[in-house]
């Protein structure tokens, strides 16, 4: 399972405020939400492999647009430069939520991992 590795890699950027699928009610900003949104099949013409892939979407929410974008870039650096060797599937996208008056940034990454590793 890759999710504990993802959280471990980026948790310090958000002071531990990293959530799967949705944030806790009243979560302090900044925080990060991640969600598995697909991936690539691991089977080949020769059969299944010992690798798995996930397309993981990350959302960063912060008080300002600048803070959200800076945090997303830090997240990208941690995912792509660290042991996960994630690959960005495009640049970050900025957003704003009118209801919460919160700035956000979103970006997708592809992550492969070895299912036989302990």
N, C-alpha and C. Protein backbone atom coordinates (compact mmCIF):
# COMPACT_ATOMS: atom_id res chain seq x y z
N UNK A 1 0.84 -1.18 0.00
CA UNK A 1 0.00 0.00 0.00
C UNK A 1 0.88 1.24 0.00
N UNK A 2 0.62 2.17 -0.86
CA UNK A 2 1.48 3.34 -1.05
C UNK A 2 1.07 4.52 -0.17
N UNK A 3 -0.16 4.57 0.29
CA UNK A 3 -0.64 5.74 1.01
C UNK A 3 0.18 6.11 2.24
N UNK A 4 0.59 5.19 3.09
CA UNK A 4 1.43 5.58 4.23
C UNK A 4 2.75 6.22 3.79
N UNK A 5 3.31 5.76 2.68
CA UNK A 5 4.55 6.34 2.17
C UNK A 5 4.33 7.76 1.66
N UNK A 6 3.20 7.99 1.02
CA UNK A 6 2.87 9.34 0.54
C UNK A 6 2.75 10.29 1.73
N UNK A 7 1.97 9.90 2.72
CA UNK A 7 1.76 10.75 3.89
C UNK A 7 3.09 11.01 4.61
N UNK A 8 3.91 9.99 4.76
CA UNK A 8 5.21 10.17 5.42
C UNK A 8 6.09 11.16 4.66
N UNK A 9 6.02 11.14 3.35
CA UNK A 9 6.88 11.99 2.52
C UNK A 9 6.49 13.47 2.58
N UNK A 10 5.20 13.76 2.73
CA UNK A 10 4.76 15.16 2.65
C UNK A 10 4.23 15.73 3.97
N UNK A 11 4.09 14.91 4.97
CA UNK A 11 3.46 15.34 6.22
C UNK A 11 4.12 16.55 6.86
N UNK A 12 5.44 16.61 6.84
CA UNK A 12 6.14 17.72 7.50
C UNK A 12 5.85 19.06 6.82
N UNK A 13 5.54 19.05 5.54
CA UNK A 13 5.24 20.29 4.81
C UNK A 13 3.97 20.94 5.36
N UNK A 14 3.04 20.10 5.86
CA UNK A 14 1.74 20.57 6.31
C UNK A 14 1.53 20.38 7.81
N UNK A 15 2.61 20.24 8.55
CA UNK A 15 2.53 20.02 10.01
C UNK A 15 1.57 18.88 10.35
N UNK A 16 1.61 17.82 9.52
CA UNK A 16 0.80 16.64 9.76
C UNK A 16 -0.62 16.73 9.25
N UNK A 17 -1.02 17.84 8.68
CA UNK A 17 -2.39 18.00 8.20
C UNK A 17 -2.52 17.51 6.75
N UNK A 18 -2.46 16.21 6.59
CA UNK A 18 -2.60 15.54 5.29
C UNK A 18 -3.74 14.55 5.43
N UNK A 19 -4.73 14.67 4.56
CA UNK A 19 -5.95 13.88 4.68
C UNK A 19 -6.26 13.14 3.39
N UNK A 20 -6.79 11.94 3.54
CA UNK A 20 -7.26 11.17 2.39
C UNK A 20 -8.70 11.58 2.08
N UNK A 21 -8.96 11.93 0.85
CA UNK A 21 -10.29 12.21 0.30
C UNK A 21 -10.92 13.53 0.76
N UNK A 22 -10.92 13.82 2.03
CA UNK A 22 -11.52 15.06 2.52
C UNK A 22 -10.86 15.45 3.85
N UNK A 23 -10.84 16.73 4.13
CA UNK A 23 -10.25 17.20 5.39
C UNK A 23 -11.25 17.06 6.53
N UNK A 24 -10.72 17.00 7.73
CA UNK A 24 -11.57 17.00 8.91
C UNK A 24 -12.31 18.33 9.00
N UNK A 25 -13.49 18.32 9.54
CA UNK A 25 -14.25 19.55 9.73
C UNK A 25 -13.44 20.51 10.58
N UNK A 26 -13.32 21.75 10.11
CA UNK A 26 -12.59 22.77 10.85
C UNK A 26 -11.08 22.64 10.80
N UNK A 27 -10.57 21.85 9.86
CA UNK A 27 -9.12 21.66 9.76
C UNK A 27 -8.42 23.00 9.57
N UNK A 28 -7.35 23.20 10.32
CA UNK A 28 -6.57 24.44 10.20
C UNK A 28 -5.82 24.43 8.87
N UNK A 29 -5.73 25.59 8.26
CA UNK A 29 -4.97 25.74 7.02
C UNK A 29 -3.57 26.18 7.35
N UNK A 30 -2.63 25.83 6.52
CA UNK A 30 -2.75 25.06 5.28
C UNK A 30 -2.88 23.56 5.56
N UNK A 31 -3.52 22.87 4.62
CA UNK A 31 -3.60 21.42 4.69
C UNK A 31 -3.61 20.86 3.27
N UNK A 32 -3.43 19.54 3.20
CA UNK A 32 -3.38 18.84 1.92
C UNK A 32 -4.39 17.70 1.94
N UNK A 33 -5.08 17.54 0.84
CA UNK A 33 -5.97 16.40 0.62
C UNK A 33 -5.41 15.63 -0.57
N UNK A 34 -5.38 14.31 -0.46
CA UNK A 34 -4.98 13.50 -1.62
C UNK A 34 -6.06 12.47 -1.89
N UNK A 35 -6.14 12.07 -3.15
CA UNK A 35 -7.13 11.09 -3.54
C UNK A 35 -6.59 10.25 -4.69
N UNK A 36 -6.80 8.96 -4.61
CA UNK A 36 -6.44 8.06 -5.71
C UNK A 36 -7.50 8.24 -6.79
N UNK A 37 -7.07 8.63 -7.99
CA UNK A 37 -8.02 8.90 -9.06
C UNK A 37 -7.74 8.04 -10.31
N UNK A 38 -7.12 6.92 -10.10
CA UNK A 38 -6.85 6.02 -11.23
C UNK A 38 -5.42 5.55 -11.22
N UNK A 39 -4.93 5.21 -12.38
CA UNK A 39 -3.58 4.73 -12.52
C UNK A 39 -3.43 3.95 -13.80
N UNK A 40 -2.29 3.32 -13.93
CA UNK A 40 -2.02 2.51 -15.12
C UNK A 40 -2.05 1.05 -14.73
N UNK A 41 -2.50 0.19 -15.63
CA UNK A 41 -2.53 -1.24 -15.31
C UNK A 41 -1.12 -1.80 -15.15
N UNK A 42 -1.00 -2.79 -14.29
CA UNK A 42 0.31 -3.40 -14.06
C UNK A 42 0.49 -4.70 -14.81
N UNK A 43 -0.53 -5.11 -15.55
CA UNK A 43 -0.38 -6.35 -16.31
C UNK A 43 0.26 -6.06 -17.67
N UNK A 44 0.97 -7.04 -18.15
CA UNK A 44 1.65 -6.93 -19.44
C UNK A 44 1.25 -8.13 -20.29
N UNK A 45 1.76 -8.18 -21.47
CA UNK A 45 1.48 -9.32 -22.35
C UNK A 45 2.01 -10.63 -21.74
N UNK A 46 2.99 -10.50 -20.86
CA UNK A 46 3.58 -11.67 -20.20
C UNK A 46 2.89 -11.99 -18.87
N UNK A 47 1.90 -11.20 -18.48
CA UNK A 47 1.19 -11.44 -17.22
C UNK A 47 1.35 -10.26 -16.27
N UNK A 48 0.92 -10.47 -15.03
CA UNK A 48 1.02 -9.42 -14.03
C UNK A 48 2.47 -9.20 -13.61
N UNK A 49 2.75 -7.98 -13.18
CA UNK A 49 4.07 -7.64 -12.68
C UNK A 49 4.01 -7.45 -11.18
N UNK A 50 5.16 -7.21 -10.56
CA UNK A 50 5.20 -6.94 -9.13
C UNK A 50 5.15 -5.44 -8.85
N UNK A 51 4.71 -4.67 -9.83
CA UNK A 51 4.59 -3.22 -9.70
C UNK A 51 3.11 -2.81 -9.70
N UNK A 52 2.83 -1.72 -9.02
CA UNK A 52 1.50 -1.12 -9.02
C UNK A 52 1.67 0.36 -9.33
N UNK A 53 0.63 0.96 -9.87
CA UNK A 53 0.67 2.38 -10.20
C UNK A 53 -0.60 3.05 -9.70
N UNK A 54 -0.44 4.28 -9.26
CA UNK A 54 -1.59 5.09 -8.87
C UNK A 54 -1.42 6.48 -9.44
N UNK A 55 -2.51 7.01 -9.93
CA UNK A 55 -2.58 8.44 -10.24
C UNK A 55 -3.18 9.07 -8.99
N UNK A 56 -2.41 9.96 -8.39
CA UNK A 56 -2.82 10.56 -7.13
C UNK A 56 -2.99 12.06 -7.34
N UNK A 57 -4.17 12.55 -6.97
CA UNK A 57 -4.48 13.96 -7.09
C UNK A 57 -4.30 14.62 -5.72
N UNK A 58 -3.57 15.71 -5.71
CA UNK A 58 -3.31 16.45 -4.47
C UNK A 58 -3.96 17.82 -4.56
N UNK A 59 -4.60 18.22 -3.47
CA UNK A 59 -5.17 19.56 -3.33
C UNK A 59 -4.53 20.20 -2.11
N UNK A 60 -4.03 21.39 -2.25
CA UNK A 60 -3.48 22.16 -1.13
C UNK A 60 -4.40 23.35 -0.91
N UNK A 61 -4.78 23.58 0.34
CA UNK A 61 -5.63 24.71 0.69
C UNK A 61 -4.91 25.59 1.69
N UNK A 62 -4.93 26.91 1.44
CA UNK A 62 -4.16 27.85 2.26
C UNK A 62 -4.88 29.20 2.32
N UNK A 63 -4.31 30.12 3.06
CA UNK A 63 -4.90 31.45 3.24
C UNK A 63 -4.71 32.36 2.03
N UNK A 64 -3.64 32.15 1.27
CA UNK A 64 -3.37 32.99 0.11
C UNK A 64 -3.02 32.13 -1.09
N UNK A 65 -3.19 32.70 -2.27
CA UNK A 65 -2.83 32.00 -3.51
C UNK A 65 -1.34 31.68 -3.53
N UNK A 66 -0.54 32.65 -3.12
CA UNK A 66 0.91 32.46 -3.11
C UNK A 66 1.30 31.31 -2.18
N UNK A 67 0.71 31.26 -1.00
CA UNK A 67 1.04 30.19 -0.05
C UNK A 67 0.64 28.83 -0.61
N UNK A 68 -0.54 28.74 -1.21
CA UNK A 68 -0.99 27.47 -1.79
C UNK A 68 -0.05 27.00 -2.88
N UNK A 69 0.36 27.92 -3.76
CA UNK A 69 1.26 27.55 -4.85
C UNK A 69 2.65 27.16 -4.35
N UNK A 70 3.17 27.88 -3.38
CA UNK A 70 4.48 27.55 -2.80
C UNK A 70 4.44 26.18 -2.14
N UNK A 71 3.38 25.90 -1.39
CA UNK A 71 3.26 24.60 -0.74
C UNK A 71 3.12 23.47 -1.76
N UNK A 72 2.38 23.72 -2.84
CA UNK A 72 2.25 22.69 -3.87
C UNK A 72 3.60 22.41 -4.53
N UNK A 73 4.38 23.45 -4.75
CA UNK A 73 5.72 23.24 -5.33
C UNK A 73 6.61 22.45 -4.36
N UNK A 74 6.48 22.72 -3.07
CA UNK A 74 7.24 21.95 -2.07
C UNK A 74 6.80 20.49 -2.07
N UNK A 75 5.49 20.28 -2.17
CA UNK A 75 4.96 18.92 -2.24
C UNK A 75 5.51 18.21 -3.48
N UNK A 76 5.49 18.89 -4.62
CA UNK A 76 6.00 18.31 -5.87
C UNK A 76 7.47 17.96 -5.74
N UNK A 77 8.25 18.83 -5.13
CA UNK A 77 9.68 18.55 -4.93
C UNK A 77 9.87 17.30 -4.07
N UNK A 78 9.08 17.19 -3.00
CA UNK A 78 9.20 16.04 -2.11
C UNK A 78 8.82 14.74 -2.81
N UNK A 79 7.74 14.77 -3.59
CA UNK A 79 7.28 13.55 -4.26
C UNK A 79 8.19 13.13 -5.40
N UNK A 80 8.68 14.09 -6.18
CA UNK A 80 9.48 13.74 -7.35
C UNK A 80 10.95 13.53 -7.02
N UNK A 81 11.45 14.20 -6.00
CA UNK A 81 12.86 14.11 -5.67
C UNK A 81 13.18 13.08 -4.60
N UNK A 82 12.17 12.62 -3.90
CA UNK A 82 12.39 11.67 -2.81
C UNK A 82 12.32 10.23 -3.28
N UNK A 83 12.19 9.33 -2.33
CA UNK A 83 12.20 7.90 -2.66
C UNK A 83 11.00 7.42 -3.48
N UNK A 84 9.92 8.18 -3.50
CA UNK A 84 8.75 7.75 -4.27
C UNK A 84 8.95 7.91 -5.77
N UNK A 85 9.81 8.85 -6.18
CA UNK A 85 10.09 9.08 -7.60
C UNK A 85 8.81 9.30 -8.41
N UNK A 86 7.89 10.08 -7.85
CA UNK A 86 6.63 10.38 -8.55
C UNK A 86 6.91 11.20 -9.80
N UNK A 87 6.00 11.13 -10.74
CA UNK A 87 6.09 11.89 -11.97
C UNK A 87 4.89 12.82 -12.06
N UNK A 88 5.15 14.10 -12.24
CA UNK A 88 4.07 15.06 -12.40
C UNK A 88 3.33 14.79 -13.70
N UNK A 89 2.01 14.89 -13.65
CA UNK A 89 1.21 14.69 -14.85
C UNK A 89 0.69 16.02 -15.40
N UNK A 90 1.40 17.08 -15.08
CA UNK A 90 1.05 18.41 -15.55
C UNK A 90 1.37 19.42 -14.47
N UNK A 91 1.31 20.69 -14.81
CA UNK A 91 1.62 21.74 -13.83
C UNK A 91 0.47 21.92 -12.84
N UNK A 92 0.75 22.66 -11.79
CA UNK A 92 -0.29 22.93 -10.81
C UNK A 92 -1.37 23.84 -11.38
N UNK A 93 -2.57 23.72 -10.84
CA UNK A 93 -3.70 24.56 -11.21
C UNK A 93 -4.14 25.30 -9.96
N UNK A 94 -4.25 26.61 -10.05
CA UNK A 94 -4.72 27.41 -8.92
C UNK A 94 -6.23 27.47 -8.91
N UNK A 95 -6.81 27.60 -7.70
CA UNK A 95 -8.25 27.70 -7.58
C UNK A 95 -8.61 28.55 -6.37
N UNK A 96 -9.87 28.88 -6.24
CA UNK A 96 -10.37 29.64 -5.10
C UNK A 96 -11.75 29.13 -4.76
N UNK A 97 -12.02 28.93 -3.47
CA UNK A 97 -13.33 28.48 -3.02
C UNK A 97 -14.07 29.66 -2.39
N UNK A 98 -15.14 30.10 -3.04
CA UNK A 98 -15.90 31.26 -2.56
C UNK A 98 -16.55 31.03 -1.20
N UNK A 99 -17.00 29.83 -0.94
CA UNK A 99 -17.70 29.55 0.31
C UNK A 99 -16.77 29.66 1.51
N UNK A 100 -15.60 29.05 1.42
CA UNK A 100 -14.66 29.08 2.55
C UNK A 100 -13.65 30.22 2.44
N UNK A 101 -13.67 30.91 1.29
CA UNK A 101 -12.71 31.99 1.03
C UNK A 101 -11.27 31.48 1.22
N UNK A 102 -11.02 30.37 0.56
CA UNK A 102 -9.74 29.69 0.68
C UNK A 102 -9.12 29.52 -0.70
N UNK A 103 -7.82 29.71 -0.76
CA UNK A 103 -7.07 29.53 -2.00
C UNK A 103 -6.53 28.11 -2.06
N UNK A 104 -6.50 27.57 -3.28
CA UNK A 104 -6.04 26.21 -3.44
C UNK A 104 -5.14 26.04 -4.64
N UNK A 105 -4.47 24.90 -4.66
CA UNK A 105 -3.67 24.47 -5.80
C UNK A 105 -3.87 22.97 -5.94
N UNK A 106 -3.97 22.50 -7.18
CA UNK A 106 -4.21 21.08 -7.44
C UNK A 106 -3.19 20.59 -8.45
N UNK A 107 -2.73 19.34 -8.26
CA UNK A 107 -1.80 18.74 -9.21
C UNK A 107 -1.89 17.22 -9.09
N UNK A 108 -1.72 16.53 -10.21
CA UNK A 108 -1.75 15.06 -10.25
C UNK A 108 -0.35 14.51 -10.46
N UNK A 109 -0.11 13.35 -9.84
CA UNK A 109 1.17 12.66 -9.97
C UNK A 109 0.94 11.19 -10.21
N UNK A 110 1.84 10.57 -10.96
CA UNK A 110 1.85 9.14 -11.16
C UNK A 110 2.93 8.55 -10.27
N UNK A 111 2.56 7.52 -9.51
CA UNK A 111 3.52 6.89 -8.58
C UNK A 111 3.49 5.38 -8.81
N UNK A 112 4.65 4.83 -9.08
CA UNK A 112 4.82 3.37 -9.21
C UNK A 112 5.50 2.85 -7.94
N UNK A 113 5.14 1.64 -7.51
CA UNK A 113 5.83 1.04 -6.38
C UNK A 113 5.87 -0.47 -6.54
N UNK A 114 6.82 -1.04 -5.85
CA UNK A 114 7.06 -2.48 -5.88
C UNK A 114 6.21 -3.13 -4.82
N UNK A 115 5.33 -4.03 -5.21
CA UNK A 115 4.44 -4.68 -4.25
C UNK A 115 5.14 -5.76 -3.44
N UNK A 116 6.35 -6.13 -3.83
CA UNK A 116 7.09 -7.16 -3.10
C UNK A 116 8.00 -6.57 -2.04
N UNK A 117 8.18 -5.24 -2.03
CA UNK A 117 9.05 -4.61 -1.04
C UNK A 117 8.42 -4.71 0.35
N UNK A 118 9.27 -4.87 1.32
CA UNK A 118 8.76 -4.97 2.70
C UNK A 118 8.97 -3.70 3.45
